[in-house]
Amino acid sequence: MKKLTADGQKRGKRMQQLPFHLMLIPGLLVVLIYNYAPMFGLVMAFQDFRPARGFFRSEWVGLKHFERFFQYPGIEKIVFNTVYIAVFKLILGLVVPVLFALFLHMIKNKLLSGFIQTVTCLPYFLSWVILGGIFVNILSPSNGVVNQIIQLFGGEPLYFLGDNSLFPWTMIITDVWKNFGYGSIIYLAAMSNIDPELYDAAKVDGAGKIKQIFHVTLPGILPMVFVMGVLSLGGILNAGFDQIFNLYNPQVYESGDILDTFIYRLGIDNAQYSFSAAVGLMKSLIGLVMILIGYKLADKYGDYRVF
């Protein structure tokens, strides 16, 4: 009797969850069609692919294109640019949202903090196609607002999008500016789960606002910061194709050319389909390894599990 009751409860629970599983079907179909079905094209990485011959009649060359990648002139610089930009985006993409979340958490006026949070979240929802045009105008060396302010204080105009020494940090800072408002939401949520009695106890012990931040707030959100950091390791070779593609130019290839833009030029502009597929596959495999390492670290030290 008890077994029948338990089975009935399980069936009832499954029936309750069925509508939620059915809601996943459209999303799963989209993922299958646009993410998994095109993966068949990865066979190009092992062929001398010719569109006229198709996948089944193109010549198989094994690891030829992967070997060519390591011998390609200037590939070290492209990999360095990718890792350099991605690492600083990752670091500042953690630090700035945390600091901003701490700032909002200290504002007692909920209306004001809500307004600031809404305004800072808006850029996240704008594509780099739109923001790229805006930044080209704002950072223009001739009539851009930023350079006008620099000249107002007696400085010389800077070519942010055409100077190899400035371009990487222009990409890093503009990317952080775009995402920090939205990224702070998760840390604000973590702060809201901190027991208020801890703050009361800190006040009783004579701790001011700053000490409360260091001894209560930061320790309370540190596990979430750690988890977000290790889960970001999978994107260590994703320096931001959309952003850089819309803002770079041949003048800054030396410091701004990354693996994604390199793959795009090879595959789309130069029709080197097999070589670009090989480079893309290598990048994806490295990303997969980093994701697995990140999840392992998150599970071991942050008690985070997907399943």
C-alpha atoms as a PDB file:
ATOM      1  CA  MET A   1       0.000   0.000   0.000  1.00  0.00           C
ATOM      2  CA  LYS A   2       2.813   2.353   0.939  1.00  0.00           C
ATOM      3  CA  LYS A   3       4.607   1.503  -2.317  1.00  0.00           C
ATOM      4  CA  LEU A   4       1.476   2.279  -4.331  1.00  0.00           C
ATOM      5  CA  THR A   5       1.125   5.591  -2.511  1.00  0.00           C
ATOM      6  CA  ALA A   6       4.776   6.491  -3.175  1.00  0.00           C
ATOM      7  CA  ASP A   7       4.404   5.572  -6.875  1.00  0.00           C
ATOM      8  CA  GLY A   8       1.285   7.697  -7.094  1.00  0.00           C
ATOM      9  CA  GLN A   9       3.092  10.656  -5.546  1.00  0.00           C
ATOM     10  CA  LYS A  10       5.934  10.289  -8.050  1.00  0.00           C
ATOM     11  CA  ARG A  11       3.492  10.156 -10.967  1.00  0.00           C
ATOM     12  CA  GLY A  12       1.658  13.173  -9.602  1.00  0.00           C
ATOM     13  CA  LYS A  13       4.940  15.082  -9.298  1.00  0.00           C
ATOM     14  CA  ARG A  14       5.893  14.153 -12.872  1.00  0.00           C
ATOM     15  CA  MET A  15       2.517  15.334 -14.152  1.00  0.00           C
ATOM     16  CA  GLN A  16       2.974  18.644 -12.317  1.00  0.00           C
ATOM     17  CA  GLN A  17       6.402  19.094 -13.926  1.00  0.00           C
ATOM     18  CA  LEU A  18       5.265  18.001 -17.407  1.00  0.00           C
ATOM     19  CA  PRO A  19       4.132  21.507 -18.548  1.00  0.00           C
ATOM     20  CA  PHE A  20       7.548  22.914 -17.605  1.00  0.00           C
ATOM     21  CA  HIS A  21       9.326  20.209 -19.599  1.00  0.00           C
ATOM     22  CA  LEU A  22       7.046  20.844 -22.576  1.00  0.00           C
ATOM     23  CA  MET A  23       7.975  24.530 -22.415  1.00  0.00           C
ATOM     24  CA  LEU A  24      11.593  23.519 -23.028  1.00  0.00           C
ATOM     25  CA  ILE A  25      10.831  21.845 -26.360  1.00  0.00           C
ATOM     26  CA  PRO A  26      10.909  25.025 -28.560  1.00  0.00           C
ATOM     27  CA  GLY A  27      14.186  26.116 -26.994  1.00  0.00           C
ATOM     28  CA  LEU A  28      15.701  22.651 -27.389  1.00  0.00           C
ATOM     29  CA  LEU A  29      14.676  22.573 -31.062  1.00  0.00           C
ATOM     30  CA  VAL A  30      16.338  25.936 -31.667  1.00  0.00           C
ATOM     31  CA  VAL A  31      19.530  24.724 -29.957  1.00  0.00           C
ATOM     32  CA  LEU A  32      19.524  21.479 -31.962  1.00  0.00           C
ATOM     33  CA  ILE A  33      18.968  23.255 -35.289  1.00  0.00           C
ATOM     34  CA  TYR A  34      21.328  26.203 -34.846  1.00  0.00           C
ATOM     35  CA  ASN A  35      23.974  24.837 -32.460  1.00  0.00           C
ATOM     36  CA  TYR A  36      24.275  21.088 -32.912  1.00  0.00           C
ATOM     37  CA  ALA A  37      23.279  20.443 -36.527  1.00  0.00           C
ATOM     38  CA  PRO A  38      25.987  22.822 -37.904  1.00  0.00           C
ATOM     39  CA  MET A  39      28.630  20.889 -35.938  1.00  0.00           C
ATOM     40  CA  PHE A  40      28.674  18.396 -38.800  1.00  0.00           C
ATOM     41  CA  GLY A  41      30.626  21.065 -40.683  1.00  0.00           C
ATOM     42  CA  LEU A  42      33.598  20.462 -38.373  1.00  0.00           C
ATOM     43  CA  VAL A  43      34.646  17.649 -40.718  1.00  0.00           C
ATOM     44  CA  MET A  44      36.059  20.479 -42.874  1.00  0.00           C
ATOM     45  CA  ALA A  45      38.888  20.793 -40.359  1.00  0.00           C
ATOM     46  CA  PHE A  46      40.166  17.405 -41.524  1.00  0.00           C
ATOM     47  CA  GLN A  47      39.628  17.986 -45.251  1.00  0.00           C
ATOM     48  CA  ASP A  48      40.785  20.210 -48.061  1.00  0.00           C
ATOM     49  CA  PHE A  49      37.186  21.297 -48.374  1.00  0.00           C
ATOM     50  CA  ARG A  50      35.903  22.460 -51.761  1.00  0.00           C
ATOM     51  CA  PRO A  51      32.293  23.723 -51.875  1.00  0.00           C
ATOM     52  CA  ALA A  52      31.821  22.239 -55.359  1.00  0.00           C
ATOM     53  CA  ARG A  53      32.766  18.773 -54.060  1.00  0.00           C
ATOM     54  CA  GLY A  54      30.901  18.971 -50.768  1.00  0.00           C
ATOM     55  CA  PHE A  55      31.720  17.172 -47.540  1.00  0.00           C
ATOM     56  CA  PHE A  56      31.722  13.661 -48.963  1.00  0.00           C
ATOM     57  CA  ARG A  57      33.988  14.178 -51.965  1.00  0.00           C
ATOM     58  CA  SER A  58      36.548  16.623 -50.544  1.00  0.00           C
ATOM     59  CA  GLU A  59      40.018  15.199 -49.905  1.00  0.00           C
ATOM     60  CA  TRP A  60      40.804  14.067 -46.345  1.00  0.00           C
ATOM     61  CA  VAL A  61      44.091  15.487 -45.048  1.00  0.00           C
ATOM     62  CA  GLY A  62      44.047  14.492 -41.375  1.00  0.00           C
ATOM     63  CA  LEU A  63      45.758  16.990 -39.041  1.00  0.00           C
ATOM     64  CA  LYS A  64      47.355  19.072 -41.802  1.00  0.00           C
ATOM     65  CA  HIS A  65      45.470  22.266 -40.934  1.00  0.00           C
ATOM     66  CA  PHE A  66      46.145  21.899 -37.212  1.00  0.00           C
ATOM     67  CA  GLU A  67      49.872  21.653 -37.931  1.00  0.00           C
ATOM     68  CA  ARG A  68      49.589  24.706 -40.160  1.00  0.00           C
ATOM     69  CA  PHE A  69      48.043  26.646 -37.265  1.00  0.00           C
ATOM     70  CA  PHE A  70      51.188  26.239 -35.128  1.00  0.00           C
ATOM     71  CA  GLN A  71      53.385  27.289 -38.055  1.00  0.00           C
ATOM     72  CA  TYR A  72      51.260  30.250 -39.167  1.00  0.00           C
ATOM     73  CA  PRO A  73      53.268  33.514 -39.070  1.00  0.00           C
ATOM     74  CA  GLY A  74      52.115  35.859 -36.317  1.00  0.00           C
ATOM     75  CA  ILE A  75      49.799  33.343 -34.643  1.00  0.00           C
ATOM     76  CA  GLU A  76      51.589  33.842 -31.298  1.00  0.00           C
ATOM     77  CA  LYS A  77      50.602  37.512 -31.319  1.00  0.00           C
ATOM     78  CA  ILE A  78      46.980  36.694 -32.141  1.00  0.00           C
ATOM     79  CA  VAL A  79      46.796  34.175 -29.271  1.00  0.00           C
ATOM     80  CA  PHE A  80      48.477  36.679 -26.935  1.00  0.00           C
ATOM     81  CA  ASN A  81      45.981  39.410 -27.904  1.00  0.00           C
ATOM     82  CA  THR A  82      43.091  37.023 -27.283  1.00  0.00           C
ATOM     83  CA  VAL A  83      44.270  35.906 -23.856  1.00  0.00           C
ATOM     84  CA  TYR A  84      45.376  39.406 -22.808  1.00  0.00           C
ATOM     85  CA  ILE A  85      42.048  41.051 -23.608  1.00  0.00           C
ATOM     86  CA  ALA A  86      39.978  38.119 -22.306  1.00  0.00           C
ATOM     87  CA  VAL A  87      41.835  37.853 -18.980  1.00  0.00           C
ATOM     88  CA  PHE A  88      41.506  41.538 -18.150  1.00  0.00           C
ATOM     89  CA  LYS A  89      37.851  41.491 -19.184  1.00  0.00           C
ATOM     90  CA  LEU A  90      37.357  38.533 -16.855  1.00  0.00           C
ATOM     91  CA  ILE A  91      39.147  40.171 -13.902  1.00  0.00           C
ATOM     92  CA  LEU A  92      37.532  43.591 -14.233  1.00  0.00           C
ATOM     93  CA  GLY A  93      34.240  41.903 -15.124  1.00  0.00           C
ATOM     94  CA  LEU A  94      34.296  40.438 -11.610  1.00  0.00           C
ATOM     95  CA  VAL A  95      35.804  43.307  -9.621  1.00  0.00           C
ATOM     96  CA  VAL A  96      33.763  46.216 -11.019  1.00  0.00           C
ATOM     97  CA  PRO A  97      30.304  44.598 -10.607  1.00  0.00           C
ATOM     98  CA  VAL A  98      31.191  43.599  -7.029  1.00  0.00           C
ATOM     99  CA  LEU A  99      32.286  47.159  -6.174  1.00  0.00           C
ATOM    100  CA  PHE A 100      29.187  48.583  -7.846  1.00  0.00           C
ATOM    101  CA  ALA A 101      26.953  46.135  -5.975  1.00  0.00           C
ATOM    102  CA  LEU A 102      28.586  47.230  -2.690  1.00  0.00           C
ATOM    103  CA  PHE A 103      27.913  50.855  -3.634  1.00  0.00           C
ATOM    104  CA  LEU A 104      24.235  50.164  -4.352  1.00  0.00           C
ATOM    105  CA  HIS A 105      23.912  48.086  -1.197  1.00  0.00           C
ATOM    106  CA  MET A 106      25.016  51.074   0.884  1.00  0.00           C
ATOM    107  CA  ILE A 107      22.351  53.369  -0.589  1.00  0.00           C
ATOM    108  CA  LYS A 108      19.379  53.356   1.766  1.00  0.00           C
ATOM    109  CA  ASN A 109      17.026  55.146  -0.630  1.00  0.00           C
ATOM    110  CA  LYS A 110      15.509  52.241  -2.587  1.00  0.00           C
ATOM    111  CA  LEU A 111      14.056  54.523  -5.265  1.00  0.00           C
ATOM    112  CA  LEU A 112      17.459  56.066  -5.977  1.00  0.00           C
ATOM    113  CA  SER A 113      19.316  52.732  -5.964  1.00  0.00           C
ATOM    114  CA  GLY A 114      16.662  51.204  -8.247  1.00  0.00           C
ATOM    115  CA  PHE A 115      16.983  54.111 -10.689  1.00  0.00           C
ATOM    116  CA  ILE A 116      20.800  53.845 -10.761  1.00  0.00           C
ATOM    117  CA  GLN A 117      20.628  50.089 -11.268  1.00  0.00           C
ATOM    118  CA  THR A 118      18.125  50.424 -14.123  1.00  0.00           C
ATOM    119  CA  VAL A 119      20.199  53.054 -15.930  1.00  0.00           C
ATOM    120  CA  THR A 120      23.440  51.054 -15.609  1.00  0.00           C
ATOM    121  CA  CYS A 121      21.744  47.855 -16.833  1.00  0.00           C
ATOM    122  CA  LEU A 122      20.470  49.426 -20.074  1.00  0.00           C
ATOM    123  CA  PRO A 123      23.755  49.201 -22.072  1.00  0.00           C
ATOM    124  CA  TYR A 124      23.785  45.425 -21.557  1.00  0.00           C
ATOM    125  CA  PHE A 125      20.713  45.114 -23.786  1.00  0.00           C
ATOM    126  CA  LEU A 126      22.215  47.122 -26.654  1.00  0.00           C
ATOM    127  CA  SER A 127      24.133  45.212 -29.333  1.00  0.00           C
ATOM    128  CA  TRP A 128      27.700  46.087 -30.253  1.00  0.00           C
ATOM    129  CA  VAL A 129      26.456  47.098 -33.690  1.00  0.00           C
ATOM    130  CA  ILE A 130      24.665  50.024 -32.025  1.00  0.00           C
ATOM    131  CA  LEU A 131      27.304  50.703 -29.375  1.00  0.00           C
ATOM    132  CA  GLY A 132      30.088  50.409 -31.961  1.00  0.00           C
ATOM    133  CA  GLY A 133      28.676  53.354 -33.919  1.00  0.00           C
ATOM    134  CA  ILE A 134      28.251  55.348 -30.714  1.00  0.00           C
ATOM    135  CA  PHE A 135      31.821  54.749 -29.550  1.00  0.00           C
ATOM    136  CA  VAL A 136      33.269  55.537 -32.980  1.00  0.00           C
ATOM    137  CA  ASN A 137      31.697  58.990 -32.667  1.00  0.00           C
ATOM    138  CA  ILE A 138      32.453  59.507 -28.973  1.00  0.00           C
ATOM    139  CA  LEU A 139      36.104  58.454 -29.306  1.00  0.00           C
ATOM    140  CA  SER A 140      36.795  60.214 -32.609  1.00  0.00           C
ATOM    141  CA  PRO A 141      40.161  62.052 -32.485  1.00  0.00           C
ATOM    142  CA  SER A 142      38.745  65.025 -34.433  1.00  0.00           C
ATOM    143  CA  ASN A 143      35.338  65.768 -32.928  1.00  0.00           C
ATOM    144  CA  GLY A 144      34.692  63.084 -30.290  1.00  0.00           C
ATOM    145  CA  VAL A 145      33.412  64.177 -26.883  1.00  0.00           C
ATOM    146  CA  VAL A 146      36.198  62.366 -25.000  1.00  0.00           C
ATOM    147  CA  ASN A 147      38.975  64.053 -26.966  1.00  0.00           C
ATOM    148  CA  GLN A 148      37.280  67.437 -26.658  1.00  0.00           C
ATOM    149  CA  ILE A 149      37.384  67.044 -22.881  1.00  0.00           C
ATOM    150  CA  ILE A 150      41.054  65.987 -23.063  1.00  0.00           C
ATOM    151  CA  GLN A 151      41.876  69.066 -25.161  1.00  0.00           C
ATOM    152  CA  LEU A 152      39.912  71.254 -22.762  1.00  0.00           C
ATOM    153  CA  PHE A 153      42.422  70.282 -20.057  1.00  0.00           C
ATOM    154  CA  GLY A 154      45.385  70.936 -22.347  1.00  0.00           C
ATOM    155  CA  GLY A 155      46.011  67.389 -23.564  1.00  0.00           C
ATOM    156  CA  GLU A 156      46.568  66.061 -27.073  1.00  0.00           C
ATOM    157  CA  PRO A 157      43.828  64.108 -28.887  1.00  0.00           C
ATOM    158  CA  LEU A 158      44.146  60.336 -28.595  1.00  0.00           C
ATOM    159  CA  TYR A 159      43.266  57.873 -31.366  1.00  0.00           C
ATOM    160  CA  PHE A 160      41.611  55.266 -29.161  1.00  0.00           C
ATOM    161  CA  LEU A 161      40.523  53.044 -32.060  1.00  0.00           C
ATOM    162  CA  GLY A 162      43.636  53.475 -34.187  1.00  0.00           C
ATOM    163  CA  ASP A 163      46.523  53.318 -31.712  1.00  0.00           C
ATOM    164  CA  ASN A 164      47.893  49.844 -30.902  1.00  0.00           C
ATOM    165  CA  SER A 165      48.839  50.884 -27.384  1.00  0.00           C
ATOM    166  CA  LEU A 166      45.321  52.165 -26.594  1.00  0.00           C
ATOM    167  CA  PHE A 167      43.047  49.819 -28.514  1.00  0.00           C
ATOM    168  CA  PRO A 168      43.149  46.737 -26.189  1.00  0.00           C
ATOM    169  CA  TRP A 169      42.302  48.782 -23.103  1.00  0.00           C
ATOM    170  CA  THR A 170      39.622  50.657 -25.007  1.00  0.00           C
ATOM    171  CA  MET A 171      38.025  47.261 -25.696  1.00  0.00           C
ATOM    172  CA  ILE A 172      38.406  46.147 -22.083  1.00  0.00           C
ATOM    173  CA  ILE A 173      37.002  49.317 -20.516  1.00  0.00           C
ATOM    174  CA  THR A 174      34.058  49.673 -22.917  1.00  0.00           C
ATOM    175  CA  ASP A 175      33.137  46.008 -22.406  1.00  0.00           C
ATOM    176  CA  VAL A 176      33.209  46.386 -18.617  1.00  0.00           C
ATOM    177  CA  TRP A 177      31.120  49.567 -18.917  1.00  0.00           C
ATOM    178  CA  LYS A 178      28.523  47.697 -20.971  1.00  0.00           C
ATOM    179  CA  ASN A 179      28.172  44.732 -18.610  1.00  0.00           C
ATOM    180  CA  PHE A 180      28.914  45.854 -15.039  1.00  0.00           C
ATOM    181  CA  GLY A 181      25.379  47.030 -14.231  1.00  0.00           C
ATOM    182  CA  TYR A 182      23.757  43.782 -15.288  1.00  0.00           C
ATOM    183  CA  GLY A 183      26.571  41.738 -13.727  1.00  0.00           C
ATOM    184  CA  SER A 184      26.007  43.367 -10.326  1.00  0.00           C
ATOM    185  CA  ILE A 185      22.495  41.895 -10.039  1.00  0.00           C
ATOM    186  CA  ILE A 186      23.711  38.476  -8.934  1.00  0.00           C
ATOM    187  CA  TYR A 187      25.910  39.993  -6.205  1.00  0.00           C
ATOM    188  CA  LEU A 188      23.058  42.182  -4.965  1.00  0.00           C
ATOM    189  CA  ALA A 189      20.963  39.015  -4.729  1.00  0.00           C
ATOM    190  CA  ALA A 190      23.755  37.337  -2.733  1.00  0.00           C
ATOM    191  CA  MET A 191      23.927  40.353  -0.394  1.00  0.00           C
ATOM    192  CA  SER A 192      20.196  40.199   0.223  1.00  0.00           C
ATOM    193  CA  ASN A 193      20.652  36.650   1.594  1.00  0.00           C
ATOM    194  CA  ILE A 194      23.141  37.731   4.253  1.00  0.00           C
ATOM    195  CA  ASP A 195      21.609  37.454   7.730  1.00  0.00           C
ATOM    196  CA  PRO A 196      20.810  41.018   8.990  1.00  0.00           C
ATOM    197  CA  GLU A 197      21.728  39.894  12.512  1.00  0.00           C
ATOM    198  CA  LEU A 198      25.360  39.720  11.377  1.00  0.00           C
ATOM    199  CA  TYR A 199      25.271  43.457  10.662  1.00  0.00           C
ATOM    200  CA  ASP A 200      23.601  44.105  14.024  1.00  0.00           C
ATOM    201  CA  ALA A 201      26.306  42.096  15.777  1.00  0.00           C
ATOM    202  CA  ALA A 202      29.003  44.000  13.894  1.00  0.00           C
ATOM    203  CA  LYS A 203      27.455  47.315  14.966  1.00  0.00           C
ATOM    204  CA  VAL A 204      27.370  46.181  18.578  1.00  0.00           C
ATOM    205  CA  ASP A 205      31.078  45.372  18.284  1.00  0.00           C
ATOM    206  CA  GLY A 206      31.699  48.920  17.065  1.00  0.00           C
ATOM    207  CA  ALA A 207      32.182  48.177  13.368  1.00  0.00           C
ATOM    208  CA  GLY A 208      31.497  51.087  11.020  1.00  0.00           C
ATOM    209  CA  LYS A 209      30.286  50.863   7.418  1.00  0.00           C
ATOM    210  CA  ILE A 210      33.714  50.038   6.017  1.00  0.00           C
ATOM    211  CA  LYS A 211      34.430  47.300   8.555  1.00  0.00           C
ATOM    212  CA  GLN A 212      30.966  45.827   7.986  1.00  0.00           C
ATOM    213  CA  ILE A 213      31.772  45.564   4.277  1.00  0.00           C
ATOM    214  CA  PHE A 214      35.093  43.793   4.921  1.00  0.00           C
ATOM    215  CA  HIS A 215      33.930  41.535   7.751  1.00  0.00           C
ATOM    216  CA  VAL A 216      30.290  40.784   6.839  1.00  0.00           C
ATOM    217  CA  THR A 217      29.346  41.691   3.254  1.00  0.00           C
ATOM    218  CA  LEU A 218      32.435  40.513   1.377  1.00  0.00           C
ATOM    219  CA  PRO A 219      32.731  37.172   3.239  1.00  0.00           C
ATOM    220  CA  GLY A 220      29.012  36.673   2.575  1.00  0.00           C
ATOM    221  CA  ILE A 221      29.302  37.057  -1.213  1.00  0.00           C
ATOM    222  CA  LEU A 222      32.799  35.591  -1.621  1.00  0.00           C
ATOM    223  CA  PRO A 223      31.535  32.078  -2.515  1.00  0.00           C
ATOM    224  CA  MET A 224      29.404  33.570  -5.314  1.00  0.00           C
ATOM    225  CA  VAL A 225      32.334  35.667  -6.572  1.00  0.00           C
ATOM    226  CA  PHE A 226      34.499  32.542  -6.619  1.00  0.00           C
ATOM    227  CA  VAL A 227      31.890  30.502  -8.484  1.00  0.00           C
ATOM    228  CA  MET A 228      31.346  33.226 -11.089  1.00  0.00           C
ATOM    229  CA  GLY A 229      35.110  33.519 -11.534  1.00  0.00           C
ATOM    230  CA  VAL A 230      35.806  29.847 -12.124  1.00  0.00           C
ATOM    231  CA  LEU A 231      32.785  29.458 -14.404  1.00  0.00           C
ATOM    232  CA  SER A 232      34.176  32.299 -16.523  1.00  0.00           C
ATOM    233  CA  LEU A 233      37.315  30.276 -17.267  1.00  0.00           C
ATOM    234  CA  GLY A 234      35.556  28.681 -20.226  1.00  0.00           C
ATOM    235  CA  GLY A 235      35.580  32.043 -21.978  1.00  0.00           C
ATOM    236  CA  ILE A 236      39.326  32.572 -21.605  1.00  0.00           C
ATOM    237  CA  LEU A 237      39.694  32.545 -25.414  1.00  0.00           C
ATOM    238  CA  ASN A 238      36.537  34.599 -26.025  1.00  0.00           C
ATOM    239  CA  ALA A 239      37.779  38.164 -26.115  1.00  0.00           C
ATOM    240  CA  GLY A 240      34.537  39.472 -27.639  1.00  0.00           C
ATOM    241  CA  PHE A 241      34.089  39.011 -31.377  1.00  0.00           C
ATOM    242  CA  ASP A 242      31.040  41.290 -31.705  1.00  0.00           C
ATOM    243  CA  GLN A 243      32.756  44.185 -29.981  1.00  0.00           C
ATOM    244  CA  ILE A 244      36.142  43.962 -31.662  1.00  0.00           C
ATOM    245  CA  PHE A 245      34.735  43.211 -35.118  1.00  0.00           C
ATOM    246  CA  ASN A 246      32.639  46.395 -34.973  1.00  0.00           C
ATOM    247  CA  LEU A 247      35.443  48.595 -33.657  1.00  0.00           C
ATOM    248  CA  TYR A 248      38.763  47.382 -35.037  1.00  0.00           C
ATOM    249  CA  ASN A 249      40.489  48.176 -38.327  1.00  0.00           C
ATOM    250  CA  PRO A 250      43.722  47.137 -40.099  1.00  0.00           C
ATOM    251  CA  GLN A 251      45.664  49.801 -38.164  1.00  0.00           C
ATOM    252  CA  VAL A 252      45.199  47.885 -34.907  1.00  0.00           C
ATOM    253  CA  TYR A 253      45.499  44.282 -36.120  1.00  0.00           C
ATOM    254  CA  GLU A 254      48.797  44.081 -34.236  1.00  0.00           C
ATOM    255  CA  SER A 255      47.138  44.560 -30.835  1.00  0.00           C
ATOM    256  CA  GLY A 256      43.448  43.931 -31.532  1.00  0.00           C
ATOM    257  CA  ASP A 257      43.313  40.920 -33.808  1.00  0.00           C
ATOM    258  CA  ILE A 258      41.967  37.953 -31.810  1.00  0.00           C
ATOM    259  CA  LEU A 259      41.260  34.331 -32.701  1.00  0.00           C
ATOM    260  CA  ASP A 260      37.606  34.976 -33.544  1.00  0.00           C
ATOM    261  CA  THR A 261      38.321  37.848 -35.944  1.00  0.00           C
ATOM    262  CA  PHE A 262      41.223  35.863 -37.410  1.00  0.00           C
ATOM    263  CA  ILE A 263      38.890  32.902 -38.042  1.00  0.00           C
ATOM    264  CA  TYR A 264      36.301  35.206 -39.599  1.00  0.00           C
ATOM    265  CA  ARG A 265      38.784  36.722 -42.026  1.00  0.00           C
ATOM    266  CA  LEU A 266      40.160  33.316 -42.973  1.00  0.00           C
ATOM    267  CA  GLY A 267      36.786  31.701 -43.517  1.00  0.00           C
ATOM    268  CA  ILE A 268      34.620  34.515 -44.876  1.00  0.00           C
ATOM    269  CA  ASP A 269      37.051  36.933 -46.519  1.00  0.00           C
ATOM    270  CA  ASN A 270      39.681  34.453 -47.767  1.00  0.00           C
ATOM    271  CA  ALA A 271      37.474  31.349 -48.216  1.00  0.00           C
ATOM    272  CA  GLN A 272      39.973  29.162 -46.316  1.00  0.00           C
ATOM    273  CA  TYR A 273      37.162  27.073 -44.889  1.00  0.00           C
ATOM    274  CA  SER A 274      39.172  24.080 -43.702  1.00  0.00           C
ATOM    275  CA  PHE A 275      41.888  26.079 -41.963  1.00  0.00           C
ATOM    276  CA  SER A 276      39.402  28.385 -40.240  1.00  0.00           C
ATOM    277  CA  ALA A 277      37.348  25.341 -39.122  1.00  0.00           C
ATOM    278  CA  ALA A 278      40.507  23.778 -37.651  1.00  0.00           C
ATOM    279  CA  VAL A 279      41.377  26.942 -35.725  1.00  0.00           C
ATOM    280  CA  GLY A 280      37.802  27.249 -34.482  1.00  0.00           C
ATOM    281  CA  LEU A 281      37.752  23.615 -33.371  1.00  0.00           C
ATOM    282  CA  MET A 282      41.017  24.010 -31.445  1.00  0.00           C
ATOM    283  CA  LYS A 283      39.644  27.109 -29.731  1.00  0.00           C
ATOM    284  CA  SER A 284      36.440  25.274 -28.787  1.00  0.00           C
ATOM    285  CA  LEU A 285      38.332  22.276 -27.403  1.00  0.00           C
ATOM    286  CA  ILE A 286      40.490  24.511 -25.211  1.00  0.00           C
ATOM    287  CA  GLY A 287      37.338  26.281 -24.032  1.00  0.00           C
ATOM    288  CA  LEU A 288      35.730  22.915 -23.207  1.00  0.00           C
ATOM    289  CA  VAL A 289      38.750  21.873 -21.128  1.00  0.00           C
ATOM    290  CA  MET A 290      38.654  25.196 -19.249  1.00  0.00           C
ATOM    291  CA  ILE A 291      34.911  24.821 -18.614  1.00  0.00           C
ATOM    292  CA  LEU A 292      35.448  21.336 -17.166  1.00  0.00           C
ATOM    293  CA  ILE A 293      38.248  22.649 -14.949  1.00  0.00           C
ATOM    294  CA  GLY A 294      36.040  25.557 -13.879  1.00  0.00           C
ATOM    295  CA  TYR A 295      33.124  23.288 -12.937  1.00  0.00           C
ATOM    296  CA  LYS A 296      35.478  20.974 -11.048  1.00  0.00           C
ATOM    297  CA  LEU A 297      36.857  23.897  -9.045  1.00  0.00           C
ATOM    298  CA  ALA A 298      33.366  25.288  -8.447  1.00  0.00           C
ATOM    299  CA  ASP A 299      32.200  21.879  -7.199  1.00  0.00           C
ATOM    300  CA  LYS A 300      35.211  21.340  -4.957  1.00  0.00           C
ATOM    301  CA  TYR A 301      35.649  24.792  -3.437  1.00  0.00           C
ATOM    302  CA  GLY A 302      32.342  26.593  -4.065  1.00  0.00           C
ATOM    303  CA  ASP A 303      29.865  23.707  -3.529  1.00  0.00           C
ATOM    304  CA  TYR A 304      28.321  24.478  -6.930  1.00  0.00           C
ATOM    305  CA  ARG A 305      26.821  21.722  -9.074  1.00  0.00           C
ATOM    306  CA  VAL A 306      24.815  21.929 -12.271  1.00  0.00           C
ATOM    307  CA  PHE A 307      23.148  18.586 -11.526  1.00  0.00           C
END
